[in-house]
Structure formats: C-alpha cells, structure tokens
C-alpha cells in the first residue's frame, strides 16, 4: 500500500523530470499513469542503466 509520503515522492520526482529541458543525455518524461502508478519515459536501446553499471565490462565515455 502506498503512503502519502510515497505519492508525494513520486509526484515530486515527476515534477522535476517534467521541468528539465530536453537534452541528448537525459531520458524525457512523456507522461504518468496513476493506476498503476508509473512514469512513461522514452525507450532507450541497450538494456537498463542498472545492468550497465553492474556489468563487468562497463565503459563510460563523455562527449561533452
């Protein structure tokens, strides 16, 4: 069961994501669903960030 604190944290997070200007290195928030509670984000090919960060052969590059 979600608490009021959980809902506030979700809406705070989505508010921050919605306020970000588009950037090539930031996944865009496209919308939210309230039942079930979820965020709709752009699809990013290549697997999850979590699996990349935990991978043995992780390489990170910067093109800034």
PDB file of N, CA and C in Angstrom:
ATOM      1  N   UNK A   1       0.844  -1.184   0.000  1.00  0.00           N
ATOM      2  CA  UNK A   1       0.000   0.000   0.000  1.00  0.00           C
ATOM      3  C   UNK A   1       0.888   1.246   0.000  1.00  0.00           C
ATOM      4  N   UNK A   2       0.589   2.151  -0.908  1.00  0.00           N
ATOM      5  CA  UNK A   2       1.358   3.396  -0.989  1.00  0.00           C
ATOM      6  C   UNK A   2       0.925   4.355   0.113  1.00  0.00           C
ATOM      7  N   UNK A   3       1.896   5.005   0.678  1.00  0.00           N
ATOM      8  CA  UNK A   3       1.608   6.013   1.702  1.00  0.00           C
ATOM      9  C   UNK A   3       1.541   7.391   1.037  1.00  0.00           C
ATOM     10  N   UNK A   4       1.093   8.369   1.791  1.00  0.00           N
ATOM     11  CA  UNK A   4       1.082   9.747   1.287  1.00  0.00           C
ATOM     12  C   UNK A   4       2.501  10.202   0.974  1.00  0.00           C
ATOM     13  N   UNK A   5       3.468   9.756   1.766  1.00  0.00           N
ATOM     14  CA  UNK A   5       4.869  10.109   1.525  1.00  0.00           C
ATOM     15  C   UNK A   5       5.355   9.505   0.201  1.00  0.00           C
ATOM     16  N   UNK A   6       4.926   8.270  -0.100  1.00  0.00           N
ATOM     17  CA  UNK A   6       5.282   7.639  -1.375  1.00  0.00           C
ATOM     18  C   UNK A   6       4.721   8.443  -2.550  1.00  0.00           C
ATOM     19  N   UNK A   7       3.462   8.809  -2.451  1.00  0.00           N
ATOM     20  CA  UNK A   7       2.831   9.584  -3.521  1.00  0.00           C
ATOM     21  C   UNK A   7       3.498  10.941  -3.698  1.00  0.00           C
ATOM     22  N   UNK A   8       3.818  11.593  -2.590  1.00  0.00           N
ATOM     23  CA  UNK A   8       4.494  12.893  -2.669  1.00  0.00           C
ATOM     24  C   UNK A   8       5.853  12.740  -3.339  1.00  0.00           C
ATOM     25  N   UNK A   9       6.599  11.704  -2.983  1.00  0.00           N
ATOM     26  CA  UNK A   9       7.912  11.468  -3.590  1.00  0.00           C
ATOM     27  C   UNK A   9       7.774  11.220  -5.088  1.00  0.00           C
ATOM     28  N   UNK A  10       6.764  10.445  -5.491  1.00  0.00           N
ATOM     29  CA  UNK A  10       6.524  10.181  -6.913  1.00  0.00           C
ATOM     30  C   UNK A  10       6.217  11.477  -7.655  1.00  0.00           C
ATOM     31  N   UNK A  11       5.288  12.255  -7.131  1.00  0.00           N
ATOM     32  CA  UNK A  11       4.911  13.499  -7.804  1.00  0.00           C
ATOM     33  C   UNK A  11       6.043  14.531  -7.781  1.00  0.00           C
ATOM     34  N   UNK A  12       6.828  14.551  -6.731  1.00  0.00           N
ATOM     35  CA  UNK A  12       7.997  15.440  -6.696  1.00  0.00           C
ATOM     36  C   UNK A  12       8.991  15.059  -7.796  1.00  0.00           C
ATOM     37  N   UNK A  13       9.257  13.757  -7.919  1.00  0.00           N
ATOM     38  CA  UNK A  13      10.195  13.274  -8.932  1.00  0.00           C
ATOM     39  C   UNK A  13       9.700  13.576 -10.346  1.00  0.00           C
ATOM     40  N   UNK A  14       8.421  13.313 -10.600  1.00  0.00           N
ATOM     41  CA  UNK A  14       7.890  13.576 -11.932  1.00  0.00           C
ATOM     42  C   UNK A  14       7.866  15.078 -12.237  1.00  0.00           C
ATOM     43  N   UNK A  15       7.648  15.887 -11.226  1.00  0.00           N
ATOM     44  CA  UNK A  15       7.673  17.334 -11.417  1.00  0.00           C
ATOM     45  C   UNK A  15       9.069  17.809 -11.829  1.00  0.00           C
ATOM     46  N   UNK A  16      10.090  17.266 -11.180  1.00  0.00           N
ATOM     47  CA  UNK A  16      11.469  17.616 -11.533  1.00  0.00           C
ATOM     48  C   UNK A  16      11.773  17.184 -12.961  1.00  0.00           C
ATOM     49  N   UNK A  17      11.427  15.930 -13.300  1.00  0.00           N
ATOM     50  CA  UNK A  17      11.687  15.422 -14.649  1.00  0.00           C
ATOM     51  C   UNK A  17      10.953  16.238 -15.714  1.00  0.00           C
ATOM     52  N   UNK A  18       9.722  16.640 -15.423  1.00  0.00           N
ATOM     53  CA  UNK A  18       8.934  17.416 -16.379  1.00  0.00           C
ATOM     54  C   UNK A  18       9.511  18.812 -16.598  1.00  0.00           C
ATOM     55  N   UNK A  19      10.219  19.336 -15.600  1.00  0.00           N
ATOM     56  CA  UNK A  19      10.751  20.692 -15.710  1.00  0.00           C
ATOM     57  C   UNK A  19      12.098  20.750 -16.444  1.00  0.00           C
ATOM     58  N   UNK A  20      12.725  19.594 -16.665  1.00  0.00           N
ATOM     59  CA  UNK A  20      14.019  19.584 -17.343  1.00  0.00           C
ATOM     60  C   UNK A  20      13.853  19.897 -18.819  1.00  0.00           C
ATOM     61  N   UNK A  21      14.748  20.705 -19.335  1.00  0.00           N
ATOM     62  CA  UNK A  21      14.700  20.974 -20.768  1.00  0.00           C
ATOM     63  C   UNK A  21      15.294  19.771 -21.502  1.00  0.00           C
ATOM     64  N   UNK A  22      14.844  19.527 -22.728  1.00  0.00           N
ATOM     65  CA  UNK A  22      15.343  18.368 -23.467  1.00  0.00           C
ATOM     66  C   UNK A  22      16.861  18.390 -23.612  1.00  0.00           C
ATOM     67  N   UNK A  23      17.479  17.244 -23.422  1.00  0.00           N
ATOM     68  CA  UNK A  23      18.928  17.096 -23.545  1.00  0.00           C
ATOM     69  C   UNK A  23      19.209  15.697 -24.062  1.00  0.00           C
ATOM     70  N   UNK A  24      20.223  15.558 -24.905  1.00  0.00           N
ATOM     71  CA  UNK A  24      20.506  14.261 -25.528  1.00  0.00           C
ATOM     72  C   UNK A  24      20.922  13.191 -24.515  1.00  0.00           C
ATOM     73  N   UNK A  25      21.358  13.568 -23.325  1.00  0.00           N
ATOM     74  CA  UNK A  25      21.801  12.606 -22.324  1.00  0.00           C
ATOM     75  C   UNK A  25      20.804  12.391 -21.192  1.00  0.00           C
ATOM     76  N   UNK A  26      19.596  12.920 -21.353  1.00  0.00           N
ATOM     77  CA  UNK A  26      18.571  12.779 -20.319  1.00  0.00           C
ATOM     78  C   UNK A  26      17.324  12.171 -20.952  1.00  0.00           C
ATOM     79  N   UNK A  27      16.831  11.085 -20.360  1.00  0.00           N
ATOM     80  CA  UNK A  27      15.609  10.447 -20.848  1.00  0.00           C
ATOM     81  C   UNK A  27      14.433  11.364 -20.545  1.00  0.00           C
ATOM     82  N   UNK A  28      13.599  11.592 -21.546  1.00  0.00           N
ATOM     83  CA  UNK A  28      12.461  12.501 -21.391  1.00  0.00           C
ATOM     84  C   UNK A  28      11.268  11.814 -20.733  1.00  0.00           C
ATOM     85  N   UNK A  29      10.643  12.506 -19.800  1.00  0.00           N
ATOM     86  CA  UNK A  29       9.382  12.073 -19.220  1.00  0.00           C
ATOM     87  C   UNK A  29       8.283  12.444 -20.204  1.00  0.00           C
ATOM     88  N   UNK A  30       7.484  11.454 -20.609  1.00  0.00           N
ATOM     89  CA  UNK A  30       6.403  11.692 -21.568  1.00  0.00           C
ATOM     90  C   UNK A  30       5.038  11.780 -20.905  1.00  0.00           C
ATOM     91  N   UNK A  31       4.923  11.191 -19.713  1.00  0.00           N
ATOM     92  CA  UNK A  31       3.652  11.228 -19.009  1.00  0.00           C
ATOM     93  C   UNK A  31       3.707  10.347 -17.781  1.00  0.00           C
ATOM     94  N   UNK A  32       2.594  10.321 -17.056  1.00  0.00           N
ATOM     95  CA  UNK A  32       2.493   9.448 -15.883  1.00  0.00           C
ATOM     96  C   UNK A  32       1.159   8.716 -15.931  1.00  0.00           C
ATOM     97  N   UNK A  33       1.091   7.591 -15.257  1.00  0.00           N
ATOM     98  CA  UNK A  33      -0.153   6.842 -15.055  1.00  0.00           C
ATOM     99  C   UNK A  33      -0.398   6.808 -13.555  1.00  0.00           C
ATOM    100  N   UNK A  34      -1.657   6.873 -13.174  1.00  0.00           N
ATOM    101  CA  UNK A  34      -1.969   6.860 -11.754  1.00  0.00           C
ATOM    102  C   UNK A  34      -2.515   5.522 -11.277  1.00  0.00           C
ATOM    103  N   UNK A  35      -2.879   4.625 -12.212  1.00  0.00           N
ATOM    104  CA  UNK A  35      -3.376   3.309 -11.808  1.00  0.00           C
ATOM    105  C   UNK A  35      -2.989   2.281 -12.859  1.00  0.00           C
ATOM    106  N   UNK A  36      -1.895   1.592 -12.721  1.00  0.00           N
ATOM    107  CA  UNK A  36      -0.939   1.644 -11.620  1.00  0.00           C
ATOM    108  C   UNK A  36      -0.043   2.872 -11.733  1.00  0.00           C
ATOM    109  N   UNK A  37       0.588   3.233 -10.653  1.00  0.00           N
ATOM    110  CA  UNK A  37       1.467   4.391 -10.593  1.00  0.00           C
ATOM    111  C   UNK A  37       2.740   4.096 -11.388  1.00  0.00           C
ATOM    112  N   UNK A  38       2.975   4.839 -12.460  1.00  0.00           N
ATOM    113  CA  UNK A  38       4.182   4.625 -13.258  1.00  0.00           C
ATOM    114  C   UNK A  38       4.500   5.874 -14.069  1.00  0.00           C
ATOM    115  N   UNK A  39       5.746   5.941 -14.534  1.00  0.00           N
ATOM    116  CA  UNK A  39       6.199   7.014 -15.405  1.00  0.00           C
ATOM    117  C   UNK A  39       6.340   6.472 -16.819  1.00  0.00           C
ATOM    118  N   UNK A  40       5.983   7.286 -17.805  1.00  0.00           N
ATOM    119  CA  UNK A  40       6.155   6.928 -19.203  1.00  0.00           C
ATOM    120  C   UNK A  40       7.378   7.703 -19.692  1.00  0.00           C
ATOM    121  N   UNK A  41       8.423   6.956 -20.072  1.00  0.00           N
ATOM    122  CA  UNK A  41       9.695   7.543 -20.490  1.00  0.00           C
ATOM    123  C   UNK A  41      10.035   7.113 -21.906  1.00  0.00           C
ATOM    124  N   UNK A  42      10.949   7.842 -22.540  1.00  0.00           N
ATOM    125  CA  UNK A  42      11.456   7.426 -23.840  1.00  0.00           C
ATOM    126  C   UNK A  42      12.111   6.054 -23.724  1.00  0.00           C
ATOM    127  N   UNK A  43      12.026   5.269 -24.794  1.00  0.00           N
ATOM    128  CA  UNK A  43      12.718   3.986 -24.842  1.00  0.00           C
ATOM    129  C   UNK A  43      14.188   4.228 -25.135  1.00  0.00           C
ATOM    130  N   UNK A  44      15.054   3.546 -24.393  1.00  0.00           N
ATOM    131  CA  UNK A  44      16.492   3.639 -24.624  1.00  0.00           C
ATOM    132  C   UNK A  44      17.001   2.233 -24.923  1.00  0.00           C
ATOM    133  N   UNK A  45      17.521   2.040 -26.107  1.00  0.00           N
ATOM    134  CA  UNK A  45      18.022   0.741 -26.537  1.00  0.00           C
ATOM    135  C   UNK A  45      19.291   0.376 -25.777  1.00  0.00           C
ATOM    136  N   UNK A  46      19.517  -0.896 -25.549  1.00  0.00           N
ATOM    137  CA  UNK A  46      20.771  -1.342 -24.951  1.00  0.00           C
ATOM    138  C   UNK A  46      20.656  -1.877 -23.541  1.00  0.00           C
ATOM    139  N   UNK A  47      19.459  -2.010 -23.003  1.00  0.00           N
ATOM    140  CA  UNK A  47      19.310  -2.555 -21.661  1.00  0.00           C
ATOM    141  C   UNK A  47      19.211  -1.477 -20.603  1.00  0.00           C
ATOM    142  N   UNK A  48      19.057  -1.930 -19.385  1.00  0.00           N
ATOM    143  CA  UNK A  48      18.853  -0.990 -18.282  1.00  0.00           C
ATOM    144  C   UNK A  48      20.172  -0.354 -17.837  1.00  0.00           C
ATOM    145  N   UNK A  49      20.068   0.839 -17.297  1.00  0.00           N
ATOM    146  CA  UNK A  49      21.240   1.517 -16.747  1.00  0.00           C
ATOM    147  C   UNK A  49      21.808   0.706 -15.586  1.00  0.00           C
ATOM    148  N   UNK A  50      20.929   0.126 -14.781  1.00  0.00           N
ATOM    149  CA  UNK A  50      21.382  -0.682 -13.649  1.00  0.00           C
ATOM    150  C   UNK A  50      22.268  -1.833 -14.115  1.00  0.00           C
ATOM    151  N   UNK A  51      21.843  -2.530 -15.169  1.00  0.00           N
ATOM    152  CA  UNK A  51      22.660  -3.646 -15.655  1.00  0.00           C
ATOM    153  C   UNK A  51      23.983  -3.153 -16.233  1.00  0.00           C
ATOM    154  N   UNK A  52      23.988  -2.007 -16.845  1.00  0.00           N
ATOM    155  CA  UNK A  52      25.240  -1.439 -17.376  1.00  0.00           C
ATOM    156  C   UNK A  52      26.193  -1.085 -16.239  1.00  0.00           C
ATOM    157  N   UNK A  53      25.664  -0.489 -15.179  1.00  0.00           N
ATOM    158  CA  UNK A  53      26.510  -0.071 -14.062  1.00  0.00           C
ATOM    159  C   UNK A  53      27.063  -1.260 -13.278  1.00  0.00           C
ATOM    160  N   UNK A  54      26.318  -2.358 -13.256  1.00  0.00           N
ATOM    161  CA  UNK A  54      26.763  -3.551 -12.537  1.00  0.00           C
ATOM    162  C   UNK A  54      27.617  -4.476 -13.395  1.00  0.00           C
ATOM    163  N   UNK A  55      27.677  -4.203 -14.701  1.00  0.00           N
ATOM    164  CA  UNK A  55      28.409  -5.081 -15.611  1.00  0.00           C
ATOM    165  C   UNK A  55      29.920  -5.058 -15.379  1.00  0.00           C
ATOM    166  N   UNK A  56      30.541  -6.189 -15.689  1.00  0.00           N
ATOM    167  CA  UNK A  56      31.983  -6.313 -15.502  1.00  0.00           C
ATOM    168  C   UNK A  56      32.766  -5.475 -16.504  1.00  0.00           C
ATOM    169  N   UNK A  57      32.228  -5.316 -17.687  1.00  0.00           N
ATOM    170  CA  UNK A  57      32.956  -4.622 -18.754  1.00  0.00           C
ATOM    171  C   UNK A  57      32.366  -3.247 -19.028  1.00  0.00           C
ATOM    172  N   UNK A  58      32.065  -2.556 -17.961  1.00  0.00           N
ATOM    173  CA  UNK A  58      31.469  -1.244 -18.097  1.00  0.00           C
ATOM    174  C   UNK A  58      32.472  -0.218 -18.598  1.00  0.00           C
ATOM    175  N   UNK A  59      32.081   0.530 -19.584  1.00  0.00           N
ATOM    176  CA  UNK A  59      32.899   1.652 -20.015  1.00  0.00           C
ATOM    177  C   UNK A  59      32.008   2.862 -20.134  1.00  0.00           C
ATOM    178  N   UNK A  60      32.467   3.956 -19.631  1.00  0.00           N
ATOM    179  CA  UNK A  60      31.709   5.199 -19.667  1.00  0.00           C
ATOM    180  C   UNK A  60      32.554   6.223 -20.383  1.00  0.00           C
ATOM    181  N   UNK A  61      31.946   6.903 -21.347  1.00  0.00           N
ATOM    182  CA  UNK A  61      32.675   7.939 -22.057  1.00  0.00           C
ATOM    183  C   UNK A  61      31.894   9.233 -21.994  1.00  0.00           C
ATOM    184  N   UNK A  62      32.579  10.307 -22.189  1.00  0.00           N
ATOM    185  CA  UNK A  62      31.954  11.620 -22.180  1.00  0.00           C
ATOM    186  C   UNK A  62      32.259  12.316 -23.483  1.00  0.00           C
ATOM    187  N   UNK A  63      31.210  12.825 -24.106  1.00  0.00           N
ATOM    188  CA  UNK A  63      31.373  13.556 -25.360  1.00  0.00           C
ATOM    189  C   UNK A  63      31.005  15.020 -25.163  1.00  0.00           C
ATOM    190  N   UNK A  64      31.331  15.536 -24.007  1.00  0.00           N
ATOM    191  CA  UNK A  64      30.957  16.919 -23.671  1.00  0.00           C
ATOM    192  C   UNK A  64      31.882  17.888 -24.349  1.00  0.00           C
TER     193      UNK A  64
END
